[in-house]
C-alpha atoms as a PDB file:
ATOM      1  CA  UNK A   1      -5.061 -25.618  -2.811  1.00  0.00           C
ATOM      2  CA  UNK A   2      -2.897 -22.526  -3.136  1.00  0.00           C
ATOM      3  CA  UNK A   3      -4.019 -19.116  -4.325  1.00  0.00           C
ATOM      4  CA  UNK A   4      -1.590 -19.042  -7.271  1.00  0.00           C
ATOM      5  CA  UNK A   5      -0.612 -22.458  -8.619  1.00  0.00           C
ATOM      6  CA  UNK A   6       2.027 -23.494 -11.118  1.00  0.00           C
ATOM      7  CA  UNK A   7       0.996 -25.464 -14.146  1.00  0.00           C
ATOM      8  CA  UNK A   8       2.910 -26.349 -17.280  1.00  0.00           C
ATOM      9  CA  UNK A   9       1.316 -23.506 -19.256  1.00  0.00           C
ATOM     10  CA  UNK A  10       3.747 -21.224 -17.380  1.00  0.00           C
ATOM     11  CA  UNK A  11       6.823 -23.167 -18.519  1.00  0.00           C
ATOM     12  CA  UNK A  12       9.389 -21.327 -20.622  1.00  0.00           C
ATOM     13  CA  UNK A  13      11.234 -24.644 -21.121  1.00  0.00           C
ATOM     14  CA  UNK A  14      14.250 -23.048 -19.430  1.00  0.00           C
ATOM     15  CA  UNK A  15      14.682 -24.786 -16.084  1.00  0.00           C
ATOM     16  CA  UNK A  16      16.462 -21.921 -14.330  1.00  0.00           C
ATOM     17  CA  UNK A  17      13.695 -19.447 -15.101  1.00  0.00           C
ATOM     18  CA  UNK A  18      10.891 -21.939 -14.526  1.00  0.00           C
ATOM     19  CA  UNK A  19      12.367 -22.497 -11.052  1.00  0.00           C
ATOM     20  CA  UNK A  20      12.454 -18.722 -10.500  1.00  0.00           C
ATOM     21  CA  UNK A  21       8.839 -18.434 -11.637  1.00  0.00           C
ATOM     22  CA  UNK A  22       7.810 -21.224  -9.254  1.00  0.00           C
ATOM     23  CA  UNK A  23       9.537 -19.314  -6.444  1.00  0.00           C
ATOM     24  CA  UNK A  24       7.565 -16.188  -7.436  1.00  0.00           C
ATOM     25  CA  UNK A  25       4.321 -18.144  -7.166  1.00  0.00           C
ATOM     26  CA  UNK A  26       5.367 -19.337  -3.709  1.00  0.00           C
ATOM     27  CA  UNK A  27       6.079 -15.711  -2.760  1.00  0.00           C
ATOM     28  CA  UNK A  28       2.616 -14.646  -3.903  1.00  0.00           C
ATOM     29  CA  UNK A  29       1.041 -17.472  -1.926  1.00  0.00           C
ATOM     30  CA  UNK A  30       3.034 -16.386   1.127  1.00  0.00           C
ATOM     31  CA  UNK A  31       1.803 -12.814   0.659  1.00  0.00           C
ATOM     32  CA  UNK A  32      -1.754 -14.054   0.451  1.00  0.00           C
ATOM     33  CA  UNK A  33      -1.504 -16.228   3.566  1.00  0.00           C
ATOM     34  CA  UNK A  34       0.585 -13.837   5.649  1.00  0.00           C
ATOM     35  CA  UNK A  35      -1.254 -10.622   4.834  1.00  0.00           C
ATOM     36  CA  UNK A  36      -4.822 -11.488   3.915  1.00  0.00           C
ATOM     37  CA  UNK A  37      -5.344 -14.158   6.541  1.00  0.00           C
ATOM     38  CA  UNK A  38      -3.866 -11.999   9.302  1.00  0.00           C
ATOM     39  CA  UNK A  39      -6.354 -10.683  11.859  1.00  0.00           C
ATOM     40  CA  UNK A  40      -4.113  -8.174  13.626  1.00  0.00           C
ATOM     41  CA  UNK A  41      -3.926  -4.846  11.752  1.00  0.00           C
ATOM     42  CA  UNK A  42      -0.546  -3.826  13.158  1.00  0.00           C
ATOM     43  CA  UNK A  43       0.918  -7.207  12.284  1.00  0.00           C
ATOM     44  CA  UNK A  44      -0.682  -6.961   8.840  1.00  0.00           C
ATOM     45  CA  UNK A  45       1.067  -3.619   8.195  1.00  0.00           C
ATOM     46  CA  UNK A  46       4.395  -5.134   9.232  1.00  0.00           C
ATOM     47  CA  UNK A  47       3.856  -8.208   7.059  1.00  0.00           C
ATOM     48  CA  UNK A  48       2.853  -6.028   4.108  1.00  0.00           C
ATOM     49  CA  UNK A  49       6.135  -4.136   4.374  1.00  0.00           C
ATOM     50  CA  UNK A  50       8.165  -7.338   4.642  1.00  0.00           C
ATOM     51  CA  UNK A  51       6.412  -9.103   1.784  1.00  0.00           C
ATOM     52  CA  UNK A  52       6.616  -6.160  -0.617  1.00  0.00           C
ATOM     53  CA  UNK A  53      10.349  -5.850   0.079  1.00  0.00           C
ATOM     54  CA  UNK A  54      10.782  -9.603  -0.385  1.00  0.00           C
ATOM     55  CA  UNK A  55       8.843  -9.488  -3.668  1.00  0.00           C
ATOM     56  CA  UNK A  56      10.825  -6.482  -4.892  1.00  0.00           C
ATOM     57  CA  UNK A  57      14.153  -8.133  -4.068  1.00  0.00           C
ATOM     58  CA  UNK A  58      13.230 -11.372  -5.793  1.00  0.00           C
ATOM     59  CA  UNK A  59      11.809  -9.854  -8.979  1.00  0.00           C
ATOM     60  CA  UNK A  60      14.856  -7.581  -9.213  1.00  0.00           C
ATOM     61  CA  UNK A  61      17.146 -10.620  -8.949  1.00  0.00           C
ATOM     62  CA  UNK A  62      15.069 -12.638 -11.441  1.00  0.00           C
ATOM     63  CA  UNK A  63      14.641  -9.839 -13.975  1.00  0.00           C
ATOM     64  CA  UNK A  64      18.395  -9.167 -13.883  1.00  0.00           C
ATOM     65  CA  UNK A  65      19.125 -12.840 -14.592  1.00  0.00           C
ATOM     66  CA  UNK A  66      16.740 -12.841 -17.556  1.00  0.00           C
ATOM     67  CA  UNK A  67      18.161  -9.602 -18.928  1.00  0.00           C
ATOM     68  CA  UNK A  68      21.745 -10.824 -18.582  1.00  0.00           C
ATOM     69  CA  UNK A  69      20.978 -13.912 -20.684  1.00  0.00           C
ATOM     70  CA  UNK A  70      19.064 -11.800 -23.215  1.00  0.00           C
ATOM     71  CA  UNK A  71      22.041  -9.484 -23.659  1.00  0.00           C
ATOM     72  CA  UNK A  72      24.479 -12.373 -23.859  1.00  0.00           C
ATOM     73  CA  UNK A  73      22.551 -14.005 -26.717  1.00  0.00           C
ATOM     74  CA  UNK A  74      21.253 -10.883 -28.463  1.00  0.00           C
ATOM     75  CA  UNK A  75      17.569 -11.437 -27.758  1.00  0.00           C
ATOM     76  CA  UNK A  76      15.755  -9.228 -30.319  1.00  0.00           C
ATOM     77  CA  UNK A  77      13.031  -8.029 -27.907  1.00  0.00           C
ATOM     78  CA  UNK A  78      15.489  -7.269 -25.111  1.00  0.00           C
ATOM     79  CA  UNK A  79      14.701  -3.548 -24.809  1.00  0.00           C
ATOM     80  CA  UNK A  80      10.930  -4.062 -24.730  1.00  0.00           C
ATOM     81  CA  UNK A  81      11.284  -6.850 -22.184  1.00  0.00           C
ATOM     82  CA  UNK A  82      13.598  -4.766 -19.986  1.00  0.00           C
ATOM     83  CA  UNK A  83      11.138  -1.859 -20.162  1.00  0.00           C
ATOM     84  CA  UNK A  84       8.313  -4.112 -18.915  1.00  0.00           C
ATOM     85  CA  UNK A  85      10.504  -5.288 -16.054  1.00  0.00           C
ATOM     86  CA  UNK A  86      11.255  -1.683 -15.160  1.00  0.00           C
ATOM     87  CA  UNK A  87       7.581  -0.765 -15.109  1.00  0.00           C
ATOM     88  CA  UNK A  88       6.762  -3.647 -12.751  1.00  0.00           C
ATOM     89  CA  UNK A  89       9.593  -2.744 -10.393  1.00  0.00           C
ATOM     90  CA  UNK A  90       8.371   0.873 -10.445  1.00  0.00           C
ATOM     91  CA  UNK A  91       4.846  -0.275  -9.514  1.00  0.00           C
ATOM     92  CA  UNK A  92       6.086  -2.400  -6.619  1.00  0.00           C
ATOM     93  CA  UNK A  93       8.243   0.524  -5.444  1.00  0.00           C
ATOM     94  CA  UNK A  94       5.225   2.836  -5.694  1.00  0.00           C
ATOM     95  CA  UNK A  95       3.108   0.520  -3.537  1.00  0.00           C
ATOM     96  CA  UNK A  96       5.976   0.142  -1.075  1.00  0.00           C
ATOM     97  CA  UNK A  97       6.458   3.910  -0.887  1.00  0.00           C
ATOM     98  CA  UNK A  98       2.725   4.482  -0.354  1.00  0.00           C
ATOM     99  CA  UNK A  99       2.771   1.897   2.404  1.00  0.00           C
ATOM    100  CA  UNK A 100       5.760   3.546   4.102  1.00  0.00           C
ATOM    101  CA  UNK A 101       3.890   6.880   3.999  1.00  0.00           C
ATOM    102  CA  UNK A 102       0.993   5.375   5.913  1.00  0.00           C
ATOM    103  CA  UNK A 103      -1.277   3.944   3.238  1.00  0.00           C
ATOM    104  CA  UNK A 104      -3.487   1.124   4.379  1.00  0.00           C
ATOM    105  CA  UNK A 105      -2.157  -2.404   4.295  1.00  0.00           C
ATOM    106  CA  UNK A 106      -1.867  -4.075   0.915  1.00  0.00           C
ATOM    107  CA  UNK A 107      -5.290  -4.002  -0.707  1.00  0.00           C
ATOM    108  CA  UNK A 108      -6.642  -7.030  -2.491  1.00  0.00           C
ATOM    109  CA  UNK A 109      -6.966  -5.136  -5.831  1.00  0.00           C
ATOM    110  CA  UNK A 110      -3.306  -4.062  -5.568  1.00  0.00           C
ATOM    111  CA  UNK A 111      -2.277  -7.619  -4.782  1.00  0.00           C
ATOM    112  CA  UNK A 112      -4.296  -8.905  -7.752  1.00  0.00           C
ATOM    113  CA  UNK A 113      -2.681  -6.332 -10.039  1.00  0.00           C
ATOM    114  CA  UNK A 114       0.797  -7.513  -8.995  1.00  0.00           C
ATOM    115  CA  UNK A 115      -0.170 -11.171  -9.390  1.00  0.00           C
ATOM    116  CA  UNK A 116      -1.949 -10.786 -12.737  1.00  0.00           C
ATOM    117  CA  UNK A 117       0.888  -8.742 -14.207  1.00  0.00           C
ATOM    118  CA  UNK A 118       3.368 -11.504 -13.374  1.00  0.00           C
ATOM    119  CA  UNK A 119       1.059 -14.227 -14.732  1.00  0.00           C
ATOM    120  CA  UNK A 120       0.488 -12.417 -18.035  1.00  0.00           C
ATOM    121  CA  UNK A 121       4.160 -11.530 -18.353  1.00  0.00           C
ATOM    122  CA  UNK A 122       5.217 -15.159 -17.920  1.00  0.00           C
ATOM    123  CA  UNK A 123       2.493 -16.536 -20.204  1.00  0.00           C
ATOM    124  CA  UNK A 124       3.204 -14.103 -23.036  1.00  0.00           C
ATOM    125  CA  UNK A 125       6.552 -12.308 -22.897  1.00  0.00           C
ATOM    126  CA  UNK A 126       8.634 -14.942 -21.111  1.00  0.00           C
ATOM    127  CA  UNK A 127       7.318 -17.750 -23.278  1.00  0.00           C
ATOM    128  CA  UNK A 128       8.544 -15.753 -26.290  1.00  0.00           C
ATOM    129  CA  UNK A 129      12.116 -15.784 -25.022  1.00  0.00           C
ATOM    130  CA  UNK A 130      11.744 -19.451 -24.114  1.00  0.00           C
ATOM    131  CA  UNK A 131      11.556 -20.466 -27.749  1.00  0.00           C
ATOM    132  CA  UNK A 132      14.415 -18.127 -28.686  1.00  0.00           C
ATOM    133  CA  UNK A 133      16.723 -19.607 -26.047  1.00  0.00           C
ATOM    134  CA  UNK A 134      15.602 -23.186 -26.721  1.00  0.00           C
ATOM    135  CA  UNK A 135      16.642 -22.659 -30.346  1.00  0.00           C
ATOM    136  CA  UNK A 136      20.087 -21.671 -28.995  1.00  0.00           C
ATOM    137  CA  UNK A 137      20.293 -24.914 -27.000  1.00  0.00           C
ATOM    138  CA  UNK A 138      19.427 -23.410 -23.616  1.00  0.00           C
ATOM    139  CA  UNK A 139      17.009 -25.491 -21.575  1.00  0.00           C
END
């Protein structure tokens, strides 16, 4: 059993974004296994750096794809959604910057914050756009 598992409650009914969300869950599971099951502190610091960069790159790619479709179809909550994306990217950047400045390896509470934010965002905000785009024929 994985730490963060996909179930249909996460589905936006838009295949492209559901696939992206599944990839995000895989990333979080990789973070969990690579960082929190590591017994070598130096290796853990290295893995923390790598996984935060990987997470940042993927959410940036995914958020941009969502925002592009929202703009294209005039999604009414576009600005609010984009603002939430920006705040998450800022948080990941903050944790990455702290880590680069010598902060301890990724803490479990920090990891849980990042994971829970994504879960809530998908379950609430992304599901809202799902219905909007489904009504426009996008699946």
